[in-house]
Amino acid sequence: MQITSLAPGEVFVFGSNAAGAHGGGAARFAHDRFGAVWGQSEGLQGRSYGIDTMSGLAVFQDQAARFLAFAADHPELRFLVTEVGCGIAGYRPQQVAGFFAGAGDNVVLPESFRALL
């Protein structure tokens, strides 16, 4: 699924870096189209949600867990997750899909992650 627009109540979930420098990939798209804030690496930003995927797998896993908790606390929103960490960060779905195990019904994961969960 390629995400190019959002319906009301939808949030674009993307991979960021610790500096929140949204210069490329899905982060750039989130900045240009969905309100991602330059300098903010994690959390809700406009109609997007950032997860730091560039500071190692442990940080990525912790932030993915915080994202899932946030999504669970916001059932009124629908979160469209990109292949977080599988672009510029260089991870494979097999390495990171498990971070999203147990995602609620309001979290839409990419097919590559769903196939592994």
PDB file of N, CA and C in Angstrom:
ATOM      1  N   MET A   1       0.846  -1.180   0.000  1.00  0.00           N
ATOM      2  CA  MET A   1       0.000   0.000   0.000  1.00  0.00           C
ATOM      3  C   MET A   1       0.887   1.237   0.000  1.00  0.00           C
ATOM      4  N   GLN A   2       0.715   2.071  -0.976  1.00  0.00           N
ATOM      5  CA  GLN A   2       1.426   3.340  -1.001  1.00  0.00           C
ATOM      6  C   GLN A   2       0.487   4.414  -0.490  1.00  0.00           C
ATOM      7  N   ILE A   3       0.934   5.159   0.494  1.00  0.00           N
ATOM      8  CA  ILE A   3       0.112   6.185   1.125  1.00  0.00           C
ATOM      9  C   ILE A   3       0.432   7.523   0.468  1.00  0.00           C
ATOM     10  N   THR A   4      -0.562   8.107  -0.183  1.00  0.00           N
ATOM     11  CA  THR A   4      -0.341   9.397  -0.831  1.00  0.00           C
ATOM     12  C   THR A   4      -1.251  10.483  -0.271  1.00  0.00           C
ATOM     13  N   SER A   5      -2.318  10.073   0.409  1.00  0.00           N
ATOM     14  CA  SER A   5      -3.229  11.036   1.022  1.00  0.00           C
ATOM     15  C   SER A   5      -3.844  10.383   2.256  1.00  0.00           C
ATOM     16  N   LEU A   6      -4.435  11.217   3.088  1.00  0.00           N
ATOM     17  CA  LEU A   6      -5.044  10.736   4.322  1.00  0.00           C
ATOM     18  C   LEU A   6      -6.510  11.134   4.376  1.00  0.00           C
ATOM     19  N   ALA A   7      -7.339  10.219   4.838  1.00  0.00           N
ATOM     20  CA  ALA A   7      -8.735  10.524   5.111  1.00  0.00           C
ATOM     21  C   ALA A   7      -8.807  11.169   6.497  1.00  0.00           C
ATOM     22  N   PRO A   8      -9.916  11.808   6.827  1.00  0.00           N
ATOM     23  CA  PRO A   8     -10.053  12.364   8.172  1.00  0.00           C
ATOM     24  C   PRO A   8      -9.806  11.286   9.233  1.00  0.00           C
ATOM     25  N   GLY A   9      -9.029  11.645  10.250  1.00  0.00           N
ATOM     26  CA  GLY A   9      -8.747  10.721  11.335  1.00  0.00           C
ATOM     27  C   GLY A   9      -7.597   9.771  11.081  1.00  0.00           C
ATOM     28  N   GLU A  10      -6.969   9.843   9.901  1.00  0.00           N
ATOM     29  CA  GLU A  10      -5.835   8.970   9.600  1.00  0.00           C
ATOM     30  C   GLU A  10      -4.519   9.674   9.907  1.00  0.00           C
ATOM     31  N   VAL A  11      -3.525   8.880  10.329  1.00  0.00           N
ATOM     32  CA  VAL A  11      -2.207   9.377  10.701  1.00  0.00           C
ATOM     33  C   VAL A  11      -1.154   8.555   9.952  1.00  0.00           C
ATOM     34  N   PHE A  12      -0.197   9.240   9.348  1.00  0.00           N
ATOM     35  CA  PHE A  12       0.906   8.636   8.588  1.00  0.00           C
ATOM     36  C   PHE A  12       2.044   8.333   9.556  1.00  0.00           C
ATOM     37  N   VAL A  13       2.446   7.065   9.674  1.00  0.00           N
ATOM     38  CA  VAL A  13       3.498   6.659  10.606  1.00  0.00           C
ATOM     39  C   VAL A  13       4.784   6.407   9.810  1.00  0.00           C
ATOM     40  N   PHE A  14       5.853   7.100  10.217  1.00  0.00           N
ATOM     41  CA  PHE A  14       7.089   7.079   9.433  1.00  0.00           C
ATOM     42  C   PHE A  14       8.306   6.903  10.327  1.00  0.00           C
ATOM     43  N   GLY A  15       9.414   6.509   9.714  1.00  0.00           N
ATOM     44  CA  GLY A  15      10.686   6.398  10.414  1.00  0.00           C
ATOM     45  C   GLY A  15      11.430   7.712  10.379  1.00  0.00           C
ATOM     46  N   SER A  16      11.984   8.077  11.520  1.00  0.00           N
ATOM     47  CA  SER A  16      12.711   9.332  11.668  1.00  0.00           C
ATOM     48  C   SER A  16      14.127   9.048  12.159  1.00  0.00           C
ATOM     49  N   ASN A  17      14.836  10.113  12.501  1.00  0.00           N
ATOM     50  CA  ASN A  17      16.142   9.991  13.150  1.00  0.00           C
ATOM     51  C   ASN A  17      16.105  10.821  14.425  1.00  0.00           C
ATOM     52  N   ALA A  18      17.110  10.650  15.279  1.00  0.00           N
ATOM     53  CA  ALA A  18      17.102  11.296  16.595  1.00  0.00           C
ATOM     54  C   ALA A  18      17.038  12.817  16.515  1.00  0.00           C
ATOM     55  N   ALA A  19      17.563  13.386  15.433  1.00  0.00           N
ATOM     56  CA  ALA A  19      17.559  14.843  15.283  1.00  0.00           C
ATOM     57  C   ALA A  19      16.237  15.362  14.725  1.00  0.00           C
ATOM     58  N   GLY A  20      15.386  14.468  14.242  1.00  0.00           N
ATOM     59  CA  GLY A  20      14.149  14.924  13.607  1.00  0.00           C
ATOM     60  C   GLY A  20      14.422  15.681  12.323  1.00  0.00           C
ATOM     61  N   ALA A  21      15.514  15.336  11.662  1.00  0.00           N
ATOM     62  CA  ALA A  21      15.863  15.950  10.378  1.00  0.00           C
ATOM     63  C   ALA A  21      15.178  15.133   9.283  1.00  0.00           C
ATOM     64  N   HIS A  22      14.028  15.587   8.871  1.00  0.00           N
ATOM     65  CA  HIS A  22      13.175  14.843   7.947  1.00  0.00           C
ATOM     66  C   HIS A  22      13.567  15.127   6.495  1.00  0.00           C
ATOM     67  N   GLY A  23      14.792  14.753   6.142  1.00  0.00           N
ATOM     68  CA  GLY A  23      15.336  15.131   4.843  1.00  0.00           C
ATOM     69  C   GLY A  23      15.119  14.155   3.713  1.00  0.00           C
ATOM     70  N   GLY A  24      14.708  12.920   4.000  1.00  0.00           N
ATOM     71  CA  GLY A  24      14.558  11.954   2.925  1.00  0.00           C
ATOM     72  C   GLY A  24      13.512  10.915   3.236  1.00  0.00           C
ATOM     73  N   GLY A  25      13.178  10.134   2.223  1.00  0.00           N
ATOM     74  CA  GLY A  25      12.253   9.021   2.367  1.00  0.00           C
ATOM     75  C   GLY A  25      10.885   9.429   2.888  1.00  0.00           C
ATOM     76  N   ALA A  26      10.295   8.524   3.676  1.00  0.00           N
ATOM     77  CA  ALA A  26       8.953   8.768   4.218  1.00  0.00           C
ATOM     78  C   ALA A  26       8.946   9.960   5.176  1.00  0.00           C
ATOM     79  N   ALA A  27      10.085  10.208   5.855  1.00  0.00           N
ATOM     80  CA  ALA A  27      10.156  11.354   6.766  1.00  0.00           C
ATOM     81  C   ALA A  27       9.996  12.664   5.993  1.00  0.00           C
ATOM     82  N   ARG A  28      10.642  12.753   4.852  1.00  0.00           N
ATOM     83  CA  ARG A  28      10.512  13.952   4.013  1.00  0.00           C
ATOM     84  C   ARG A  28       9.070  14.114   3.534  1.00  0.00           C
ATOM     85  N   PHE A  29       8.472  12.994   3.134  1.00  0.00           N
ATOM     86  CA  PHE A  29       7.078  13.012   2.688  1.00  0.00           C
ATOM     87  C   PHE A  29       6.166  13.475   3.825  1.00  0.00           C
ATOM     88  N   ALA A  30       6.417  12.960   5.046  1.00  0.00           N
ATOM     89  CA  ALA A  30       5.624  13.354   6.211  1.00  0.00           C
ATOM     90  C   ALA A  30       5.782  14.843   6.490  1.00  0.00           C
ATOM     91  N   HIS A  31       6.996  15.345   6.343  1.00  0.00           N
ATOM     92  CA  HIS A  31       7.254  16.773   6.560  1.00  0.00           C
ATOM     93  C   HIS A  31       6.561  17.622   5.503  1.00  0.00           C
ATOM     94  N   ASP A  32       6.685  17.199   4.254  1.00  0.00           N
ATOM     95  CA  ASP A  32       6.128  17.981   3.146  1.00  0.00           C
ATOM     96  C   ASP A  32       4.606  17.927   3.073  1.00  0.00           C
ATOM     97  N   ARG A  33       4.014  16.788   3.453  1.00  0.00           N
ATOM     98  CA  ARG A  33       2.580  16.591   3.217  1.00  0.00           C
ATOM     99  C   ARG A  33       1.715  16.492   4.473  1.00  0.00           C
ATOM    100  N   PHE A  34       2.282  16.006   5.583  1.00  0.00           N
ATOM    101  CA  PHE A  34       1.428  15.660   6.713  1.00  0.00           C
ATOM    102  C   PHE A  34       1.827  16.309   8.039  1.00  0.00           C
ATOM    103  N   GLY A  35       2.592  17.375   7.993  1.00  0.00           N
ATOM    104  CA  GLY A  35       2.844  18.167   9.189  1.00  0.00           C
ATOM    105  C   GLY A  35       3.931  17.696  10.126  1.00  0.00           C
ATOM    106  N   ALA A  36       4.806  16.786   9.688  1.00  0.00           N
ATOM    107  CA  ALA A  36       5.921  16.389  10.549  1.00  0.00           C
ATOM    108  C   ALA A  36       6.761  17.626  10.860  1.00  0.00           C
ATOM    109  N   VAL A  37       7.183  17.753  12.107  1.00  0.00           N
ATOM    110  CA  VAL A  37       7.876  18.939  12.594  1.00  0.00           C
ATOM    111  C   VAL A  37       9.389  18.726  12.538  1.00  0.00           C
ATOM    112  N   TRP A  38      10.075  19.612  11.832  1.00  0.00           N
ATOM    113  CA  TRP A  38      11.530  19.535  11.761  1.00  0.00           C
ATOM    114  C   TRP A  38      12.082  19.672  13.168  1.00  0.00           C
ATOM    115  N   GLY A  39      12.951  18.761  13.563  1.00  0.00           N
ATOM    116  CA  GLY A  39      13.542  18.794  14.886  1.00  0.00           C
ATOM    117  C   GLY A  39      12.828  17.909  15.903  1.00  0.00           C
ATOM    118  N   GLN A  40      11.683  17.344  15.542  1.00  0.00           N
ATOM    119  CA  GLN A  40      10.966  16.421  16.432  1.00  0.00           C
ATOM    120  C   GLN A  40      11.082  15.025  15.847  1.00  0.00           C
ATOM    121  N   SER A  41      11.704  14.117  16.594  1.00  0.00           N
ATOM    122  CA  SER A  41      11.946  12.781  16.053  1.00  0.00           C
ATOM    123  C   SER A  41      10.809  11.811  16.324  1.00  0.00           C
ATOM    124  N   GLU A  42      10.173  11.933  17.483  1.00  0.00           N
ATOM    125  CA  GLU A  42       9.200  10.921  17.908  1.00  0.00           C
ATOM    126  C   GLU A  42       7.853  11.544  18.205  1.00  0.00           C
ATOM    127  N   GLY A  43       6.823  10.757  17.944  1.00  0.00           N
ATOM    128  CA  GLY A  43       5.488  11.134  18.384  1.00  0.00           C
ATOM    129  C   GLY A  43       4.638  11.784  17.324  1.00  0.00           C
ATOM    130  N   LEU A  44       3.460  12.184  17.767  1.00  0.00           N
ATOM    131  CA  LEU A  44       2.471  12.801  16.887  1.00  0.00           C
ATOM    132  C   LEU A  44       2.946  14.187  16.470  1.00  0.00           C
ATOM    133  N   GLN A  45       2.886  14.421  15.173  1.00  0.00           N
ATOM    134  CA  GLN A  45       3.317  15.685  14.584  1.00  0.00           C
ATOM    135  C   GLN A  45       2.372  15.993  13.447  1.00  0.00           C
ATOM    136  N   GLY A  46       1.465  16.912  13.631  1.00  0.00           N
ATOM    137  CA  GLY A  46       0.476  17.172  12.606  1.00  0.00           C
ATOM    138  C   GLY A  46      -0.363  15.927  12.394  1.00  0.00           C
ATOM    139  N   ARG A  47      -0.405  15.441  11.155  1.00  0.00           N
ATOM    140  CA  ARG A  47      -1.148  14.225  10.826  1.00  0.00           C
ATOM    141  C   ARG A  47      -0.184  13.070  10.590  1.00  0.00           C
ATOM    142  N   SER A  48       0.945  13.104  11.284  1.00  0.00           N
ATOM    143  CA  SER A  48       1.946  12.056  11.156  1.00  0.00           C
ATOM    144  C   SER A  48       2.466  11.691  12.544  1.00  0.00           C
ATOM    145  N   TYR A  49       3.141  10.530  12.602  1.00  0.00           N
ATOM    146  CA  TYR A  49       3.722  10.043  13.853  1.00  0.00           C
ATOM    147  C   TYR A  49       5.096   9.485  13.528  1.00  0.00           C
ATOM    148  N   GLY A  50       6.131  10.015  14.193  1.00  0.00           N
ATOM    149  CA  GLY A  50       7.506   9.598  13.936  1.00  0.00           C
ATOM    150  C   GLY A  50       8.014   8.572  14.929  1.00  0.00           C
ATOM    151  N   ILE A  51       8.811   7.634  14.422  1.00  0.00           N
ATOM    152  CA  ILE A  51       9.506   6.629  15.225  1.00  0.00           C
ATOM    153  C   ILE A  51      10.971   6.677  14.810  1.00  0.00           C
ATOM    154  N   ASP A  52      11.865   6.879  15.785  1.00  0.00           N
ATOM    155  CA  ASP A  52      13.302   6.924  15.485  1.00  0.00           C
ATOM    156  C   ASP A  52      13.778   5.523  15.120  1.00  0.00           C
ATOM    157  N   THR A  53      14.140   5.360  13.866  1.00  0.00           N
ATOM    158  CA  THR A  53      14.629   4.066  13.379  1.00  0.00           C
ATOM    159  C   THR A  53      16.137   4.078  13.138  1.00  0.00           C
ATOM    160  N   MET A  54      16.778   5.204  13.389  1.00  0.00           N
ATOM    161  CA  MET A  54      18.183   5.374  13.018  1.00  0.00           C
ATOM    162  C   MET A  54      19.147   5.286  14.208  1.00  0.00           C
ATOM    163  N   SER A  55      18.637   5.056  15.414  1.00  0.00           N
ATOM    164  CA  SER A  55      19.487   5.060  16.610  1.00  0.00           C
ATOM    165  C   SER A  55      19.701   3.662  17.180  1.00  0.00           C
ATOM    166  N   GLY A  56      19.513   2.647  16.346  1.00  0.00           N
ATOM    167  CA  GLY A  56      19.711   1.275  16.771  1.00  0.00           C
ATOM    168  C   GLY A  56      18.396   0.553  17.039  1.00  0.00           C
ATOM    169  N   LEU A  57      18.467  -0.759  17.007  1.00  0.00           N
ATOM    170  CA  LEU A  57      17.258  -1.571  17.156  1.00  0.00           C
ATOM    171  C   LEU A  57      16.600  -1.433  18.529  1.00  0.00           C
ATOM    172  N   ALA A  58      17.375  -1.244  19.583  1.00  0.00           N
ATOM    173  CA  ALA A  58      16.789  -1.117  20.922  1.00  0.00           C
ATOM    174  C   ALA A  58      15.938   0.145  21.027  1.00  0.00           C
ATOM    175  N   VAL A  59      16.436   1.254  20.511  1.00  0.00           N
ATOM    176  CA  VAL A  59      15.669   2.507  20.511  1.00  0.00           C
ATOM    177  C   VAL A  59      14.425   2.348  19.646  1.00  0.00           C
ATOM    178  N   PHE A  60      14.596   1.767  18.475  1.00  0.00           N
ATOM    179  CA  PHE A  60      13.489   1.531  17.551  1.00  0.00           C
ATOM    180  C   PHE A  60      12.412   0.700  18.254  1.00  0.00           C
ATOM    181  N   GLN A  61      12.806  -0.375  18.895  1.00  0.00           N
ATOM    182  CA  GLN A  61      11.838  -1.254  19.564  1.00  0.00           C
ATOM    183  C   GLN A  61      11.100  -0.513  20.683  1.00  0.00           C
ATOM    184  N   ASP A  62      11.817   0.273  21.483  1.00  0.00           N
ATOM    185  CA  ASP A  62      11.185   1.048  22.551  1.00  0.00           C
ATOM    186  C   ASP A  62      10.181   2.049  21.988  1.00  0.00           C
ATOM    187  N   GLN A  63      10.566   2.725  20.925  1.00  0.00           N
ATOM    188  CA  GLN A  63       9.669   3.727  20.351  1.00  0.00           C
ATOM    189  C   GLN A  63       8.476   3.082  19.668  1.00  0.00           C
ATOM    190  N   ALA A  64       8.665   1.919  19.068  1.00  0.00           N
ATOM    191  CA  ALA A  64       7.538   1.195  18.475  1.00  0.00           C
ATOM    192  C   ALA A  64       6.546   0.797  19.570  1.00  0.00           C
ATOM    193  N   ALA A  65       7.051   0.378  20.725  1.00  0.00           N
ATOM    194  CA  ALA A  65       6.179   0.029  21.848  1.00  0.00           C
ATOM    195  C   ALA A  65       5.404   1.248  22.328  1.00  0.00           C
ATOM    196  N   ARG A  66       6.070   2.397  22.407  1.00  0.00           N
ATOM    197  CA  ARG A  66       5.375   3.634  22.808  1.00  0.00           C
ATOM    198  C   ARG A  66       4.324   4.013  21.773  1.00  0.00           C
ATOM    199  N   PHE A  67       4.656   3.816  20.492  1.00  0.00           N
ATOM    200  CA  PHE A  67       3.669   4.089  19.439  1.00  0.00           C
ATOM    201  C   PHE A  67       2.435   3.210  19.607  1.00  0.00           C
ATOM    202  N   LEU A  68       2.638   1.912  19.833  1.00  0.00           N
ATOM    203  CA  LEU A  68       1.491   1.011  19.984  1.00  0.00           C
ATOM    204  C   LEU A  68       0.636   1.411  21.177  1.00  0.00           C
ATOM    205  N   ALA A  69       1.258   1.836  22.264  1.00  0.00           N
ATOM    206  CA  ALA A  69       0.513   2.307  23.437  1.00  0.00           C
ATOM    207  C   ALA A  69      -0.265   3.577  23.092  1.00  0.00           C
ATOM    208  N   PHE A  70       0.359   4.490  22.353  1.00  0.00           N
ATOM    209  CA  PHE A  70      -0.305   5.722  21.929  1.00  0.00           C
ATOM    210  C   PHE A  70      -1.518   5.397  21.052  1.00  0.00           C
ATOM    211  N   ALA A  71      -1.315   4.490  20.102  1.00  0.00           N
ATOM    212  CA  ALA A  71      -2.419   4.098  19.210  1.00  0.00           C
ATOM    213  C   ALA A  71      -3.563   3.475  20.007  1.00  0.00           C
ATOM    214  N   ALA A  72      -3.231   2.657  20.998  1.00  0.00           N
ATOM    215  CA  ALA A  72      -4.264   2.031  21.834  1.00  0.00           C
ATOM    216  C   ALA A  72      -5.047   3.082  22.617  1.00  0.00           C
ATOM    217  N   ASP A  73      -4.372   4.168  23.012  1.00  0.00           N
ATOM    218  CA  ASP A  73      -5.027   5.257  23.749  1.00  0.00           C
ATOM    219  C   ASP A  73      -5.840   6.177  22.843  1.00  0.00           C
ATOM    220  N   HIS A  74      -5.700   5.995  21.531  1.00  0.00           N
ATOM    221  CA  HIS A  74      -6.394   6.866  20.568  1.00  0.00           C
ATOM    222  C   HIS A  74      -7.157   6.043  19.532  1.00  0.00           C
ATOM    223  N   PRO A  75      -8.170   5.301  19.987  1.00  0.00           N
ATOM    224  CA  PRO A  75      -8.921   4.449  19.060  1.00  0.00           C
ATOM    225  C   PRO A  75      -9.710   5.246  18.013  1.00  0.00           C
ATOM    226  N   GLU A  76      -9.835   6.550  18.224  1.00  0.00           N
ATOM    227  CA  GLU A  76     -10.536   7.389  17.260  1.00  0.00           C
ATOM    228  C   GLU A  76      -9.696   7.675  16.022  1.00  0.00           C
ATOM    229  N   LEU A  77      -8.408   7.352  16.093  1.00  0.00           N
ATOM    230  CA  LEU A  77      -7.502   7.572  14.966  1.00  0.00           C
ATOM    231  C   LEU A  77      -7.158   6.251  14.301  1.00  0.00           C
ATOM    232  N   ARG A  78      -6.822   6.331  13.019  1.00  0.00           N
ATOM    233  CA  ARG A  78      -6.383   5.165  12.246  1.00  0.00           C
ATOM    234  C   ARG A  78      -4.964   5.447  11.785  1.00  0.00           C
ATOM    235  N   PHE A  79      -4.018   4.596  12.195  1.00  0.00           N
ATOM    236  CA  PHE A  79      -2.603   4.805  11.942  1.00  0.00           C
ATOM    237  C   PHE A  79      -2.140   3.954  10.759  1.00  0.00           C
ATOM    238  N   LEU A  80      -1.660   4.609   9.716  1.00  0.00           N
ATOM    239  CA  LEU A  80      -1.178   3.935   8.512  1.00  0.00           C
ATOM    240  C   LEU A  80       0.347   3.854   8.606  1.00  0.00           C
ATOM    241  N   VAL A  81       0.856   2.669   8.857  1.00  0.00           N
ATOM    242  CA  VAL A  81       2.283   2.467   9.103  1.00  0.00           C
ATOM    243  C   VAL A  81       2.994   2.153   7.789  1.00  0.00           C
ATOM    244  N   THR A  82       4.037   2.920   7.504  1.00  0.00           N
ATOM    245  CA  THR A  82       4.889   2.632   6.351  1.00  0.00           C
ATOM    246  C   THR A  82       5.794   1.454   6.717  1.00  0.00           C
ATOM    247  N   GLU A  83       6.633   1.024   5.816  1.00  0.00           N
ATOM    248  CA  GLU A  83       7.635  -0.006   6.138  1.00  0.00           C
ATOM    249  C   GLU A  83       8.714   0.661   6.973  1.00  0.00           C
ATOM    250  N   VAL A  84       8.341   1.015   8.193  1.00  0.00           N
ATOM    251  CA  VAL A  84       9.199   1.769   9.100  1.00  0.00           C
ATOM    252  C   VAL A  84      10.522   1.033   9.302  1.00  0.00           C
ATOM    253  N   GLY A  85      11.620   1.742   9.065  1.00  0.00           N
ATOM    254  CA  GLY A  85      12.949   1.181   9.271  1.00  0.00           C
ATOM    255  C   GLY A  85      13.509   0.406   8.100  1.00  0.00           C
ATOM    256  N   CYS A  86      12.719   0.196   7.060  1.00  0.00           N
ATOM    257  CA  CYS A  86      13.146  -0.655   5.943  1.00  0.00           C
ATOM    258  C   CYS A  86      13.607   0.142   4.726  1.00  0.00           C
ATOM    259  N   GLY A  87      13.752   1.441   4.889  1.00  0.00           N
ATOM    260  CA  GLY A  87      14.266   2.272   3.803  1.00  0.00           C
ATOM    261  C   GLY A  87      15.677   2.711   4.128  1.00  0.00           C
ATOM    262  N   ILE A  88      15.821   3.985   4.439  1.00  0.00           N
ATOM    263  CA  ILE A  88      17.122   4.569   4.719  1.00  0.00           C
ATOM    264  C   ILE A  88      17.806   3.889   5.913  1.00  0.00           C
ATOM    265  N   ALA A  89      17.044   3.478   6.919  1.00  0.00           N
ATOM    266  CA  ALA A  89      17.631   2.826   8.104  1.00  0.00           C
ATOM    267  C   ALA A  89      18.257   1.473   7.762  1.00  0.00           C
ATOM    268  N   GLY A  90      17.761   0.825   6.704  1.00  0.00           N
ATOM    269  CA  GLY A  90      18.398  -0.378   6.191  1.00  0.00           C
ATOM    270  C   GLY A  90      18.013  -1.705   6.822  1.00  0.00           C
ATOM    271  N   TYR A  91      16.974  -1.715   7.651  1.00  0.00           N
ATOM    272  CA  TYR A  91      16.542  -2.994   8.237  1.00  0.00           C
ATOM    273  C   TYR A  91      15.640  -3.751   7.274  1.00  0.00           C
ATOM    274  N   ARG A  92      15.511  -5.048   7.519  1.00  0.00           N
ATOM    275  CA  ARG A  92      14.599  -5.885   6.750  1.00  0.00           C
ATOM    276  C   ARG A  92      13.328  -6.094   7.563  1.00  0.00           C
ATOM    277  N   PRO A  93      12.193  -6.313   6.900  1.00  0.00           N
ATOM    278  CA  PRO A  93      10.958  -6.572   7.644  1.00  0.00           C
ATOM    279  C   PRO A  93      11.116  -7.681   8.688  1.00  0.00           C
ATOM    280  N   GLN A  94      11.926  -8.699   8.381  1.00  0.00           N
ATOM    281  CA  GLN A  94      12.125  -9.800   9.320  1.00  0.00           C
ATOM    282  C   GLN A  94      12.745  -9.328  10.631  1.00  0.00           C
ATOM    283  N   GLN A  95      13.484  -8.223  10.598  1.00  0.00           N
ATOM    284  CA  GLN A  95      14.132  -7.693  11.793  1.00  0.00           C
ATOM    285  C   GLN A  95      13.209  -6.832  12.643  1.00  0.00           C
ATOM    286  N   VAL A  96      12.214  -6.201  12.032  1.00  0.00           N
ATOM    287  CA  VAL A  96      11.451  -5.178  12.754  1.00  0.00           C
ATOM    288  C   VAL A  96       9.943  -5.411  12.830  1.00  0.00           C
ATOM    289  N   ALA A  97       9.401  -6.276  12.008  1.00  0.00           N
ATOM    290  CA  ALA A  97       7.944  -6.480  12.020  1.00  0.00           C
ATOM    291  C   ALA A  97       7.452  -6.884  13.400  1.00  0.00           C
ATOM    292  N   GLY A  98       8.228  -7.695  14.113  1.00  0.00           N
ATOM    293  CA  GLY A  98       7.832  -8.147  15.440  1.00  0.00           C
ATOM    294  C   GLY A  98       7.634  -7.018  16.435  1.00  0.00           C
ATOM    295  N   PHE A  99       8.248  -5.856  16.186  1.00  0.00           N
ATOM    296  CA  PHE A  99       8.077  -4.705  17.066  1.00  0.00           C
ATOM    297  C   PHE A  99       6.616  -4.246  17.077  1.00  0.00           C
ATOM    298  N   PHE A 100       5.863  -4.639  16.051  1.00  0.00           N
ATOM    299  CA  PHE A 100       4.479  -4.182  15.905  1.00  0.00           C
ATOM    300  C   PHE A 100       3.466  -5.287  16.205  1.00  0.00           C
ATOM    301  N   ALA A 101       3.952  -6.404  16.759  1.00  0.00           N
ATOM    302  CA  ALA A 101       3.054  -7.502  17.143  1.00  0.00           C
ATOM    303  C   ALA A 101       2.064  -6.988  18.182  1.00  0.00           C
ATOM    304  N   GLY A 102       0.835  -7.413  18.061  1.00  0.00           N
ATOM    305  CA  GLY A 102      -0.197  -7.004  19.003  1.00  0.00           C
ATOM    306  C   GLY A 102      -0.809  -5.648  18.706  1.00  0.00           C
ATOM    307  N   ALA A 103      -0.499  -5.091  17.540  1.00  0.00           N
ATOM    308  CA  ALA A 103      -1.078  -3.797  17.171  1.00  0.00           C
ATOM    309  C   ALA A 103      -2.600  -3.905  17.147  1.00  0.00           C
ATOM    310  N   GLY A 104      -3.244  -2.848  17.580  1.00  0.00           N
ATOM    311  CA  GLY A 104      -4.704  -2.818  17.611  1.00  0.00           C
ATOM    312  C   GLY A 104      -5.321  -2.711  16.230  1.00  0.00           C
ATOM    313  N   ASP A 105      -6.618  -2.788  16.195  1.00  0.00           N
ATOM    314  CA  ASP A 105      -7.357  -2.736  14.932  1.00  0.00           C
ATOM    315  C   ASP A 105      -7.221  -1.393  14.222  1.00  0.00           C
ATOM    316  N   ASN A 106      -6.835  -0.356  14.950  1.00  0.00           N
ATOM    317  CA  ASN A 106      -6.686   0.967  14.332  1.00  0.00           C
ATOM    318  C   ASN A 106      -5.277   1.209  13.784  1.00  0.00           C
ATOM    319  N   VAL A 107      -4.447   0.167  13.780  1.00  0.00           N
ATOM    320  CA  VAL A 107      -3.091   0.253  13.237  1.00  0.00           C
ATOM    321  C   VAL A 107      -3.036  -0.613  11.982  1.00  0.00           C
ATOM    322  N   VAL A 108      -2.799   0.034  10.847  1.00  0.00           N
ATOM    323  CA  VAL A 108      -2.720  -0.667   9.568  1.00  0.00           C
ATOM    324  C   VAL A 108      -1.249  -0.850   9.220  1.00  0.00           C
ATOM    325  N   LEU A 109      -0.813  -2.107   9.263  1.00  0.00           N
ATOM    326  CA  LEU A 109       0.590  -2.418   8.990  1.00  0.00           C
ATOM    327  C   LEU A 109       0.797  -2.738   7.514  1.00  0.00           C
ATOM    328  N   PRO A 110       2.019  -2.507   7.020  1.00  0.00           N
ATOM    329  CA  PRO A 110       2.297  -2.872   5.628  1.00  0.00           C
ATOM    330  C   PRO A 110       2.215  -4.393   5.463  1.00  0.00           C
ATOM    331  N   GLU A 111       1.903  -4.834   4.264  1.00  0.00           N
ATOM    332  CA  GLU A 111       1.764  -6.264   3.974  1.00  0.00           C
ATOM    333  C   GLU A 111       3.012  -7.046   4.357  1.00  0.00           C
ATOM    334  N   SER A 112       4.185  -6.463   4.131  1.00  0.00           N
ATOM    335  CA  SER A 112       5.434  -7.160   4.453  1.00  0.00           C
ATOM    336  C   SER A 112       5.528  -7.455   5.948  1.00  0.00           C
ATOM    337  N   PHE A 113       4.983  -6.591   6.794  1.00  0.00           N
ATOM    338  CA  PHE A 113       4.972  -6.838   8.240  1.00  0.00           C
ATOM    339  C   PHE A 113       3.870  -7.833   8.600  1.00  0.00           C
ATOM    340  N   ARG A 114       2.689  -7.651   8.032  1.00  0.00           N
ATOM    341  CA  ARG A 114       1.560  -8.548   8.342  1.00  0.00           C
ATOM    342  C   ARG A 114       1.907  -9.987   7.985  1.00  0.00           C
ATOM    343  N   ALA A 115       2.623 -10.198   6.901  1.00  0.00           N
ATOM    344  CA  ALA A 115       2.972 -11.553   6.470  1.00  0.00           C
ATOM    345  C   ALA A 115       3.861 -12.262   7.490  1.00  0.00           C
ATOM    346  N   LEU A 116       4.569 -11.503   8.304  1.00  0.00           N
ATOM    347  CA  LEU A 116       5.504 -12.079   9.266  1.00  0.00           C
ATOM    348  C   LEU A 116       4.905 -12.213  10.672  1.00  0.00           C
ATOM    349  N   LEU A 117       3.750 -11.597  10.902  1.00  0.00           N
ATOM    350  CA  LEU A 117       3.155 -11.613  12.254  1.00  0.00           C
ATOM    351  C   LEU A 117       2.075 -12.659  12.399  1.00  0.00           C
TER     352      LEU A 117
END
